[in-house]
């Protein structure tokens, strides 16, 4: 994404309301800021300048000469930064600012996207291979049924819950996008599992990885991955850990 974009600025309370209600930000007022992107560091952070107005005007940019009394800059200095959004769905914050020393004195801002995706509350998408009967039974009883019956009341789906020729291309992608939680079993090598993990990571979904106890993962080094190790013969411990992990993810979104 290159160019200049009209931008909304939200207070922390406004952003908190978006997260808690899980609804797209749809303001009733016209955006009054434009951000011109000047450099991209990676998919989650970029550099740009800010100006006031509906179109980019270099004379209205934030500079070291007009920063006095600027709400956005003051909130950044006070470590109380608000949030920006181009589209009401993805949100980003200022992580750094640099004042150029030339006559123009433009302030260059570094922005970072926040790991927040709109989702359907109380839903999970399960990523796993299907050819292992014992694992399928464990999933049905200790993940799908348990998460629905416990106090979390979560509906768990996996790709074989859906039919049609569009399953891989559209349905799975859509389910991963809108699920509140992604749970992934990584003990066994499976190309569909690779695809679904990759897509979920690409859109910044936090994934709960599951690994069978005393069974090393077949396809990558998991030593650096936070995971729940489970014992097919001891499901009660696993269920408690899974519940606590999902609650922890929920509690750290704000």
Protein backbone atom coordinates (compact mmCIF):
# COMPACT_ATOMS: atom_id res chain seq x y z
CA UNK A 1 0.00 0.00 0.00
CA UNK A 2 1.63 3.19 -1.18
CA UNK A 3 0.37 6.74 -1.34
CA UNK A 4 -1.67 9.13 0.78
CA UNK A 5 -4.75 7.92 2.68
CA UNK A 6 -7.45 9.66 4.67
CA UNK A 7 -7.21 8.44 8.23
CA UNK A 8 -9.27 8.33 11.40
CA UNK A 9 -7.70 8.80 14.81
CA UNK A 10 -9.32 6.99 17.74
CA UNK A 11 -8.85 7.51 21.44
CA UNK A 12 -7.97 4.48 23.57
CA UNK A 13 -11.59 4.33 24.77
CA UNK A 14 -12.90 4.33 21.19
CA UNK A 15 -10.54 1.53 20.23
CA UNK A 16 -11.45 -0.46 23.33
CA UNK A 17 -15.10 -0.21 22.33
CA UNK A 18 -14.28 -1.57 18.84
CA UNK A 19 -12.50 -4.58 20.37
CA UNK A 20 -15.17 -5.28 22.99
CA UNK A 21 -18.10 -5.00 20.58
CA UNK A 22 -16.13 -6.70 17.78
CA UNK A 23 -17.63 -4.33 15.23
CA UNK A 24 -16.07 -2.36 12.41
CA UNK A 25 -15.30 1.26 13.29
CA UNK A 26 -17.90 3.33 11.44
CA UNK A 27 -17.64 6.97 12.55
CA UNK A 28 -20.29 9.55 11.83
CA UNK A 29 -17.72 12.25 11.12
CA UNK A 30 -15.41 12.99 8.20
CA UNK A 31 -11.75 11.96 8.61
CA UNK A 32 -9.55 14.97 9.25
CA UNK A 33 -6.09 13.45 8.78
CA UNK A 34 -4.07 12.15 5.84
CA UNK A 35 -1.05 9.87 6.17
CA UNK A 36 1.48 9.74 3.34
CA UNK A 37 3.46 6.51 3.46
CA UNK A 38 7.17 7.00 2.79
CA UNK A 39 8.72 3.61 3.59
CA UNK A 40 7.65 0.06 4.43
CA UNK A 41 9.72 -1.95 6.91
CA UNK A 42 7.64 -5.13 6.75
CA UNK A 43 4.00 -6.22 6.56
CA UNK A 44 3.31 -4.85 10.04
CA UNK A 45 5.15 -1.53 10.17
CA UNK A 46 5.76 1.47 7.96
CA UNK A 47 6.95 5.08 7.99
CA UNK A 48 4.93 8.13 7.03
CA UNK A 49 4.07 11.77 7.59
CA UNK A 50 0.77 13.15 8.90
CA UNK A 51 -1.11 16.20 7.68
CA UNK A 52 -4.45 17.72 8.55
CA UNK A 53 -7.25 17.83 5.98
CA UNK A 54 -9.02 15.60 3.47
CA UNK A 55 -6.21 15.62 0.90
CA UNK A 56 -2.47 15.58 1.32
CA UNK A 57 -1.02 19.08 1.66
CA UNK A 58 2.65 19.32 2.56
CA UNK A 59 2.15 22.74 4.16
CA UNK A 60 -0.28 21.18 6.67
CA UNK A 61 2.03 18.35 7.76
CA UNK A 62 3.11 17.89 11.37
CA UNK A 63 6.53 19.50 11.79
CA UNK A 64 8.89 20.37 14.60
CA UNK A 65 7.66 23.96 14.25
CA UNK A 66 3.93 23.29 14.78
CA UNK A 67 3.99 20.33 17.17
CA UNK A 68 3.20 22.44 20.23
CA UNK A 69 -0.29 21.61 21.55
CA UNK A 70 -0.67 18.75 19.04
CA UNK A 71 -2.94 16.18 20.69
CA UNK A 72 -1.58 13.19 18.79
CA UNK A 73 2.06 14.02 19.55
CA UNK A 74 1.31 14.89 23.19
CA UNK A 75 -0.49 11.56 23.70
CA UNK A 76 2.49 9.74 22.19
CA UNK A 77 4.90 11.48 24.59
CA UNK A 78 2.57 10.67 27.49
CA UNK A 79 2.54 6.98 26.44
CA UNK A 80 -1.19 7.25 25.92
CA UNK A 81 -1.24 7.00 22.12
CA UNK A 82 -4.49 6.61 20.27
CA UNK A 83 -5.07 4.44 17.22
CA UNK A 84 -5.25 5.15 13.49
CA UNK A 85 -7.28 3.34 10.85
CA UNK A 86 -7.67 3.72 7.10
CA UNK A 87 -10.59 1.32 6.73
CA UNK A 88 -12.21 0.80 10.15
CA UNK A 89 -10.90 -2.79 10.31
CA UNK A 90 -7.12 -2.66 10.72
CA UNK A 91 -5.61 -0.37 13.33
CA UNK A 92 -2.11 0.96 13.90
CA UNK A 93 -0.22 3.12 16.40
CA UNK A 94 2.81 5.39 16.47
CA UNK A 95 5.88 3.56 17.78
CA UNK A 96 8.51 6.20 17.03
CA UNK A 97 8.92 9.70 15.64
CA UNK A 98 11.86 11.56 14.16
CA UNK A 99 12.14 15.30 13.48
CA UNK A 100 14.06 16.21 10.35
CA UNK A 101 16.62 18.97 10.90
CA UNK A 102 16.17 20.73 7.56
CA UNK A 103 14.20 23.94 7.00
CA UNK A 104 10.94 22.07 6.44
CA UNK A 105 11.26 20.18 9.72
CA UNK A 106 8.88 17.34 8.81
CA UNK A 107 8.18 14.77 11.51
CA UNK A 108 8.54 11.19 10.27
CA UNK A 109 6.44 8.69 12.19
CA UNK A 110 6.90 4.94 12.46
CA UNK A 111 3.59 3.08 12.66
CA UNK A 112 2.89 -0.50 13.68
CA UNK A 113 -0.28 -2.45 12.96
CA UNK A 114 -2.04 -3.84 16.01
CA UNK A 115 -2.70 -7.58 16.15
CA UNK A 116 -6.47 -7.22 16.13
CA UNK A 117 -8.83 -8.86 13.69
CA UNK A 118 -12.60 -8.70 13.70
CA UNK A 119 -14.02 -12.12 14.49
CA UNK A 120 -17.17 -14.01 15.38
CA UNK A 121 -17.13 -14.30 19.16
CA UNK A 122 -17.20 -17.79 20.69
CA UNK A 123 -15.95 -19.57 17.58
CA UNK A 124 -12.79 -21.58 16.93
CA UNK A 125 -11.33 -23.16 13.82
CA UNK A 126 -9.45 -26.44 14.24
CA UNK A 127 -6.46 -27.18 12.00
CA UNK A 128 -5.50 -30.87 11.97
CA UNK A 129 -5.11 -33.96 9.75
CA UNK A 130 -8.15 -36.28 9.58
CA UNK A 131 -6.66 -39.72 8.89
CA UNK A 132 -5.83 -40.61 12.50
CA UNK A 133 -8.92 -42.16 14.11
CA UNK A 134 -7.66 -41.85 17.69
CA UNK A 135 -6.88 -38.18 17.16
CA UNK A 136 -10.28 -37.58 15.57
CA UNK A 137 -11.99 -39.08 18.60
CA UNK A 138 -9.86 -36.97 20.94
CA UNK A 139 -10.84 -33.87 18.98
CA UNK A 140 -14.56 -34.66 18.97
CA UNK A 141 -14.70 -35.36 22.70
CA UNK A 142 -12.08 -33.16 24.31
CA UNK A 143 -12.01 -30.13 22.04
CA UNK A 144 -15.20 -29.73 20.03
CA UNK A 145 -17.68 -31.11 22.59
CA UNK A 146 -15.80 -29.84 25.63
CA UNK A 147 -15.46 -26.21 24.46
CA UNK A 148 -19.16 -26.13 23.61
CA UNK A 149 -20.27 -27.64 26.92
CA UNK A 150 -17.96 -25.74 29.27
CA UNK A 151 -18.50 -22.17 30.45
CA UNK A 152 -16.78 -20.75 27.32
CA UNK A 153 -19.58 -22.07 25.03
CA UNK A 154 -17.31 -22.05 21.94
CA UNK A 155 -18.40 -23.56 18.63
CA UNK A 156 -15.46 -25.38 17.04
CA UNK A 157 -15.29 -26.05 13.30
CA UNK A 158 -12.81 -27.70 10.97
CA UNK A 159 -12.67 -27.88 7.19
CA UNK A 160 -14.58 -31.17 6.88
CA UNK A 161 -17.62 -29.44 8.42
CA UNK A 162 -18.03 -27.71 5.05
CA UNK A 163 -18.71 -29.12 1.62
CA UNK A 164 -18.33 -27.87 -1.92
CA UNK A 165 -15.59 -27.27 -4.46
CA UNK A 166 -14.69 -23.90 -2.92
CA UNK A 167 -13.59 -25.38 0.42
CA UNK A 168 -9.84 -24.69 0.18
CA UNK A 169 -10.05 -21.54 -1.91
CA UNK A 170 -12.79 -19.69 -0.05
CA UNK A 171 -14.50 -21.42 2.84
CA UNK A 172 -11.43 -22.36 4.89
CA UNK A 173 -9.89 -18.93 4.41
CA UNK A 174 -13.15 -17.31 5.46
CA UNK A 175 -13.43 -19.52 8.55
CA UNK A 176 -9.85 -18.75 9.62
CA UNK A 177 -10.45 -15.03 9.13
CA UNK A 178 -13.57 -14.87 11.27
CA UNK A 179 -12.79 -17.43 13.99
CA UNK A 180 -12.07 -15.97 17.40
CA UNK A 181 -9.51 -18.74 18.08
CA UNK A 182 -7.30 -20.91 15.87
CA UNK A 183 -6.31 -24.28 17.35
CA UNK A 184 -3.72 -26.34 15.48
CA UNK A 185 -2.51 -29.91 16.01
CA UNK A 186 1.12 -30.12 14.80
CA UNK A 187 2.25 -33.64 15.67
CA UNK A 188 1.75 -35.03 12.17
CA UNK A 189 2.98 -33.83 8.78
CA UNK A 190 0.13 -32.64 6.56
CA UNK A 191 0.18 -30.20 3.63
CA UNK A 192 -3.30 -28.81 4.40
CA UNK A 193 -2.17 -28.08 7.94
CA UNK A 194 0.85 -26.20 6.53
CA UNK A 195 -1.41 -24.10 4.32
CA UNK A 196 -3.85 -23.21 7.08
CA UNK A 197 -1.10 -22.35 9.59
CA UNK A 198 0.61 -20.16 7.01
CA UNK A 199 -2.55 -18.26 6.18
CA UNK A 200 -3.47 -17.75 9.84
CA UNK A 201 0.03 -16.46 10.66
CA UNK A 202 -0.07 -14.21 7.60
CA UNK A 203 -3.12 -12.35 8.92
CA UNK A 204 -1.65 -12.15 12.45
CA UNK A 205 -3.94 -14.69 14.07
CA UNK A 206 -2.67 -16.04 17.37
CA UNK A 207 -2.56 -19.83 17.13
CA UNK A 208 -2.93 -22.34 19.96
CA UNK A 209 -0.59 -25.18 19.00
CA UNK A 210 -1.19 -28.73 20.27
CA UNK A 211 1.46 -31.44 20.33
CA UNK A 212 1.05 -35.03 21.47
CA UNK A 213 3.19 -35.74 24.51
CA UNK A 214 6.42 -37.62 23.82
CA UNK A 215 5.79 -37.37 20.06
CA UNK A 216 8.12 -34.90 18.31
CA UNK A 217 6.54 -32.86 15.52
CA UNK A 218 7.42 -34.31 12.13
CA UNK A 219 7.78 -31.16 10.08
CA UNK A 220 9.46 -28.33 12.02
CA UNK A 221 11.35 -27.48 15.17
CA UNK A 222 8.80 -26.71 17.89
CA UNK A 223 11.27 -25.83 20.63
CA UNK A 224 10.58 -22.11 20.15
CA UNK A 225 6.79 -22.51 19.87
CA UNK A 226 4.50 -22.10 22.85
CA UNK A 227 2.22 -25.12 22.83
CA UNK A 228 0.00 -27.41 24.86
CA UNK A 229 1.31 -30.95 25.07
CA UNK A 230 -1.46 -33.48 25.54
CA UNK A 231 -1.72 -37.10 26.59
CA UNK A 232 -4.49 -39.09 24.90
CA UNK A 233 -4.90 -41.03 28.15
CA UNK A 234 -5.22 -37.91 30.36
CA UNK A 235 -7.72 -35.54 28.73
CA UNK A 236 -8.76 -33.71 31.91
CA UNK A 237 -5.40 -31.98 32.30
CA UNK A 238 -5.44 -31.04 28.62
CA UNK A 239 -8.93 -29.57 28.79
CA UNK A 240 -8.01 -27.39 31.76
CA UNK A 241 -4.91 -26.08 29.96
CA UNK A 242 -6.86 -25.41 26.77
CA UNK A 243 -9.56 -23.48 28.61
CA UNK A 244 -7.01 -21.40 30.52
CA UNK A 245 -5.09 -20.63 27.30
CA UNK A 246 -8.17 -19.38 25.46
CA UNK A 247 -9.17 -17.21 28.42
CA UNK A 248 -5.63 -15.78 28.52
CA UNK A 249 -5.76 -14.87 24.82
CA UNK A 250 -9.08 -13.16 25.35
CA UNK A 251 -7.78 -11.19 28.34
CA UNK A 252 -4.69 -9.88 26.55
CA UNK A 253 -6.45 -8.35 23.54
CA UNK A 254 -6.66 -4.95 25.27
